[in-house]
Amino acid sequence: MEPRWGELRIRNLSVGPLHGVPEPLTAQAPGFLDKSSVFKGCPAAHTFFHVDPHSLATMCKVGRENPVDLMSEGLDGLLRLHGIADAQVLRTGGCGGCQLSATCRVCRPLAKAYQEAKAPLNTYRQHGSEETQ
């Protein structure tokens, strides 16, 4: 990357390697999953992004809709990612209608992937746990 883009790196270690299918989520060991605080927003595509080996940039490892082809668009294509990220959260239903959002530890796209994988709620939500504040 160009030096002007900086060296800030943030890594979300609770995100599994997803490639269009939810199977990796069921393979994660519940004892090792991060019991982080309640989700309060995500800077995906605003402060970081994901690029796969084919130079397709997406908002993150989970949100892979509408990738930006860096080989054809160049770095200027990255400027579209923040709009794609914001729209993807809304396309997946957002959190506003969810009665359990006050105890969720993950972003909406990841919660949707967990739901599609039929993962137990305690994998990504703090239901009745003492951690919920």
C-alpha atoms as a PDB file:
ATOM      1  CA  MET A   1       0.000   0.000   0.000  1.00  0.00           C
ATOM      2  CA  GLU A   2       0.984   3.563  -0.395  1.00  0.00           C
ATOM      3  CA  PRO A   3       2.599   5.208   2.628  1.00  0.00           C
ATOM      4  CA  ARG A   4      -0.079   7.907   2.748  1.00  0.00           C
ATOM      5  CA  TRP A   5      -2.676   5.320   3.789  1.00  0.00           C
ATOM      6  CA  GLY A   6      -0.807   4.696   7.032  1.00  0.00           C
ATOM      7  CA  GLU A   7       0.002   1.582   8.988  1.00  0.00           C
ATOM      8  CA  LEU A   8      -3.008   1.332  11.324  1.00  0.00           C
ATOM      9  CA  ARG A   9      -4.082  -2.293  11.599  1.00  0.00           C
ATOM     10  CA  ILE A  10      -6.995  -3.711  13.559  1.00  0.00           C
ATOM     11  CA  ARG A  11      -7.627  -7.433  13.627  1.00  0.00           C
ATOM     12  CA  ASN A  12     -10.918  -8.956  14.723  1.00  0.00           C
ATOM     13  CA  LEU A  13      -9.846 -12.300  16.147  1.00  0.00           C
ATOM     14  CA  SER A  14     -13.370 -13.568  16.760  1.00  0.00           C
ATOM     15  CA  VAL A  15     -14.184 -13.682  13.044  1.00  0.00           C
ATOM     16  CA  GLY A  16     -13.832 -17.082  11.401  1.00  0.00           C
ATOM     17  CA  PRO A  17     -12.608 -17.631   7.837  1.00  0.00           C
ATOM     18  CA  LEU A  18     -15.776 -17.385   5.746  1.00  0.00           C
ATOM     19  CA  HIS A  19     -15.847 -18.060   2.029  1.00  0.00           C
ATOM     20  CA  GLY A  20     -19.530 -17.945   1.190  1.00  0.00           C
ATOM     21  CA  VAL A  21     -20.539 -20.808   3.468  1.00  0.00           C
ATOM     22  CA  PRO A  22     -21.242 -20.844   7.231  1.00  0.00           C
ATOM     23  CA  GLU A  23     -19.509 -24.188   8.025  1.00  0.00           C
ATOM     24  CA  PRO A  24     -16.348 -22.703   9.631  1.00  0.00           C
ATOM     25  CA  LEU A  25     -18.525 -21.086  12.302  1.00  0.00           C
ATOM     26  CA  THR A  26     -19.685 -24.445  13.641  1.00  0.00           C
ATOM     27  CA  ALA A  27     -16.081 -25.603  13.938  1.00  0.00           C
ATOM     28  CA  GLN A  28     -15.061 -22.863  16.351  1.00  0.00           C
ATOM     29  CA  ALA A  29     -14.469 -24.082  19.890  1.00  0.00           C
ATOM     30  CA  PRO A  30     -16.954 -22.334  22.219  1.00  0.00           C
ATOM     31  CA  GLY A  31     -14.423 -22.361  25.062  1.00  0.00           C
ATOM     32  CA  PHE A  32     -12.075 -20.171  23.061  1.00  0.00           C
ATOM     33  CA  LEU A  33     -14.553 -17.673  21.628  1.00  0.00           C
ATOM     34  CA  ASP A  34     -14.047 -14.120  22.805  1.00  0.00           C
ATOM     35  CA  LYS A  35     -16.585 -13.026  25.408  1.00  0.00           C
ATOM     36  CA  SER A  36     -16.166  -9.410  24.470  1.00  0.00           C
ATOM     37  CA  SER A  37     -18.432  -6.547  25.369  1.00  0.00           C
ATOM     38  CA  VAL A  38     -21.774  -5.801  23.740  1.00  0.00           C
ATOM     39  CA  PHE A  39     -21.459  -4.649  20.129  1.00  0.00           C
ATOM     40  CA  LYS A  40     -21.608  -0.869  19.787  1.00  0.00           C
ATOM     41  CA  GLY A  41     -20.791  -0.359  16.125  1.00  0.00           C
ATOM     42  CA  CYS A  42     -18.133  -1.351  13.647  1.00  0.00           C
ATOM     43  CA  PRO A  43     -15.583   0.724  11.760  1.00  0.00           C
ATOM     44  CA  ALA A  44     -15.483  -1.812   8.883  1.00  0.00           C
ATOM     45  CA  ALA A  45     -14.479  -0.096   5.654  1.00  0.00           C
ATOM     46  CA  HIS A  46     -14.115   3.192   7.503  1.00  0.00           C
ATOM     47  CA  THR A  47     -10.813   2.372   9.225  1.00  0.00           C
ATOM     48  CA  PHE A  48      -9.945  -1.049   7.763  1.00  0.00           C
ATOM     49  CA  PHE A  49     -10.895  -3.446   4.971  1.00  0.00           C
ATOM     50  CA  HIS A  50     -10.154  -6.965   3.728  1.00  0.00           C
ATOM     51  CA  VAL A  51      -8.467  -7.944   0.457  1.00  0.00           C
ATOM     52  CA  ASP A  52      -8.512 -11.540  -0.754  1.00  0.00           C
ATOM     53  CA  PRO A  53      -5.731 -13.151  -2.856  1.00  0.00           C
ATOM     54  CA  HIS A  54      -7.581 -12.139  -6.039  1.00  0.00           C
ATOM     55  CA  SER A  55      -7.327  -8.431  -5.100  1.00  0.00           C
ATOM     56  CA  LEU A  56     -11.030  -8.129  -4.308  1.00  0.00           C
ATOM     57  CA  ALA A  57     -11.503  -5.664  -1.450  1.00  0.00           C
ATOM     58  CA  THR A  58     -14.477  -5.971   0.878  1.00  0.00           C
ATOM     59  CA  MET A  59     -15.535  -4.208   4.056  1.00  0.00           C
ATOM     60  CA  CYS A  60     -14.219  -7.094   6.193  1.00  0.00           C
ATOM     61  CA  LYS A  61     -13.714 -10.862   6.220  1.00  0.00           C
ATOM     62  CA  VAL A  62     -17.435 -11.481   6.792  1.00  0.00           C
ATOM     63  CA  GLY A  63     -19.112  -8.795   4.694  1.00  0.00           C
ATOM     64  CA  ARG A  64     -18.148  -9.889   1.196  1.00  0.00           C
ATOM     65  CA  GLU A  65     -20.998  -8.432  -0.833  1.00  0.00           C
ATOM     66  CA  ASN A  66     -20.133  -5.970  -3.603  1.00  0.00           C
ATOM     67  CA  PRO A  67     -16.357  -6.447  -3.661  1.00  0.00           C
ATOM     68  CA  VAL A  68     -14.156  -3.757  -5.200  1.00  0.00           C
ATOM     69  CA  ASP A  69     -11.748  -5.129  -7.826  1.00  0.00           C
ATOM     70  CA  LEU A  70      -8.502  -3.344  -7.016  1.00  0.00           C
ATOM     71  CA  MET A  71      -6.845  -4.534 -10.224  1.00  0.00           C
ATOM     72  CA  SER A  72      -9.415  -2.753 -12.376  1.00  0.00           C
ATOM     73  CA  GLU A  73     -10.398   0.171 -10.100  1.00  0.00           C
ATOM     74  CA  GLY A  74      -7.170   0.813  -8.233  1.00  0.00           C
ATOM     75  CA  LEU A  75      -6.997   2.413  -4.794  1.00  0.00           C
ATOM     76  CA  ASP A  76      -9.720   4.906  -5.691  1.00  0.00           C
ATOM     77  CA  GLY A  77     -12.191   2.003  -5.556  1.00  0.00           C
ATOM     78  CA  LEU A  78     -11.592   1.794  -1.806  1.00  0.00           C
ATOM     79  CA  LEU A  79     -13.438   5.084  -1.404  1.00  0.00           C
ATOM     80  CA  ARG A  80     -16.687   3.226  -2.155  1.00  0.00           C
ATOM     81  CA  LEU A  81     -16.229   0.699   0.656  1.00  0.00           C
ATOM     82  CA  HIS A  82     -17.679   2.827   3.470  1.00  0.00           C
ATOM     83  CA  GLY A  83     -20.981   3.174   1.597  1.00  0.00           C
ATOM     84  CA  ILE A  84     -21.009  -0.546   0.811  1.00  0.00           C
ATOM     85  CA  ALA A  85     -20.394  -1.361   4.495  1.00  0.00           C
ATOM     86  CA  ASP A  86     -23.148   0.928   5.741  1.00  0.00           C
ATOM     87  CA  ALA A  87     -25.603  -0.486   3.185  1.00  0.00           C
ATOM     88  CA  GLN A  88     -24.681  -4.097   4.001  1.00  0.00           C
ATOM     89  CA  VAL A  89     -25.583  -3.657   7.661  1.00  0.00           C
ATOM     90  CA  LEU A  90     -28.988  -2.331   6.605  1.00  0.00           C
ATOM     91  CA  ARG A  91     -29.482  -5.070   3.963  1.00  0.00           C
ATOM     92  CA  THR A  92     -29.012  -7.777   6.573  1.00  0.00           C
ATOM     93  CA  GLY A  93     -31.824  -6.308   8.648  1.00  0.00           C
ATOM     94  CA  GLY A  94     -29.863  -4.002  10.904  1.00  0.00           C
ATOM     95  CA  CYS A  95     -30.075  -4.389  14.668  1.00  0.00           C
ATOM     96  CA  GLY A  96     -32.999  -2.053  15.350  1.00  0.00           C
ATOM     97  CA  GLY A  97     -35.695  -4.710  14.994  1.00  0.00           C
ATOM     98  CA  CYS A  98     -33.896  -7.355  17.023  1.00  0.00           C
ATOM     99  CA  GLN A  99     -35.142  -7.778  20.592  1.00  0.00           C
ATOM    100  CA  LEU A 100     -31.812  -9.344  21.558  1.00  0.00           C
ATOM    101  CA  SER A 101     -29.515  -6.621  20.190  1.00  0.00           C
ATOM    102  CA  ALA A 102     -28.779  -5.298  23.687  1.00  0.00           C
ATOM    103  CA  THR A 103     -26.848  -8.514  24.386  1.00  0.00           C
ATOM    104  CA  CYS A 104     -25.172  -9.115  21.013  1.00  0.00           C
ATOM    105  CA  ARG A 105     -21.367  -9.161  20.820  1.00  0.00           C
ATOM    106  CA  VAL A 106     -20.984  -9.153  17.028  1.00  0.00           C
ATOM    107  CA  CYS A 107     -21.915  -7.043  14.001  1.00  0.00           C
ATOM    108  CA  ARG A 108     -25.123  -7.753  12.087  1.00  0.00           C
ATOM    109  CA  PRO A 109     -23.445  -9.502   9.105  1.00  0.00           C
ATOM    110  CA  LEU A 110     -21.606 -11.866  11.477  1.00  0.00           C
ATOM    111  CA  ALA A 111     -24.756 -12.445  13.557  1.00  0.00           C
ATOM    112  CA  LYS A 112     -26.572 -13.353  10.331  1.00  0.00           C
ATOM    113  CA  ALA A 113     -23.815 -15.840   9.429  1.00  0.00           C
ATOM    114  CA  TYR A 114     -24.075 -17.407  12.906  1.00  0.00           C
ATOM    115  CA  GLN A 115     -27.863 -17.630  12.504  1.00  0.00           C
ATOM    116  CA  GLU A 116     -27.549 -19.298   9.092  1.00  0.00           C
ATOM    117  CA  ALA A 117     -25.079 -21.784  10.610  1.00  0.00           C
ATOM    118  CA  LYS A 118     -27.624 -22.466  13.379  1.00  0.00           C
ATOM    119  CA  ALA A 119     -24.982 -21.645  15.991  1.00  0.00           C
ATOM    120  CA  PRO A 120     -26.153 -21.527  19.611  1.00  0.00           C
ATOM    121  CA  LEU A 121     -27.182 -18.045  20.747  1.00  0.00           C
ATOM    122  CA  ASN A 122     -24.521 -17.981  23.453  1.00  0.00           C
ATOM    123  CA  THR A 123     -21.907 -18.125  20.685  1.00  0.00           C
ATOM    124  CA  TYR A 124     -22.582 -14.512  19.766  1.00  0.00           C
ATOM    125  CA  ARG A 125     -24.990 -13.166  22.390  1.00  0.00           C
ATOM    126  CA  GLN A 126     -24.658 -12.677  26.136  1.00  0.00           C
ATOM    127  CA  HIS A 127     -28.086 -14.077  27.077  1.00  0.00           C
ATOM    128  CA  GLY A 128     -28.541 -13.913  30.810  1.00  0.00           C
ATOM    129  CA  SER A 129     -24.826 -13.944  31.421  1.00  0.00           C
ATOM    130  CA  GLU A 130     -23.245 -11.995  34.218  1.00  0.00           C
ATOM    131  CA  GLU A 131     -21.128 -10.188  31.603  1.00  0.00           C
ATOM    132  CA  THR A 132     -24.128  -8.234  30.291  1.00  0.00           C
ATOM    133  CA  GLN A 133     -24.185  -4.728  31.648  1.00  0.00           C
END
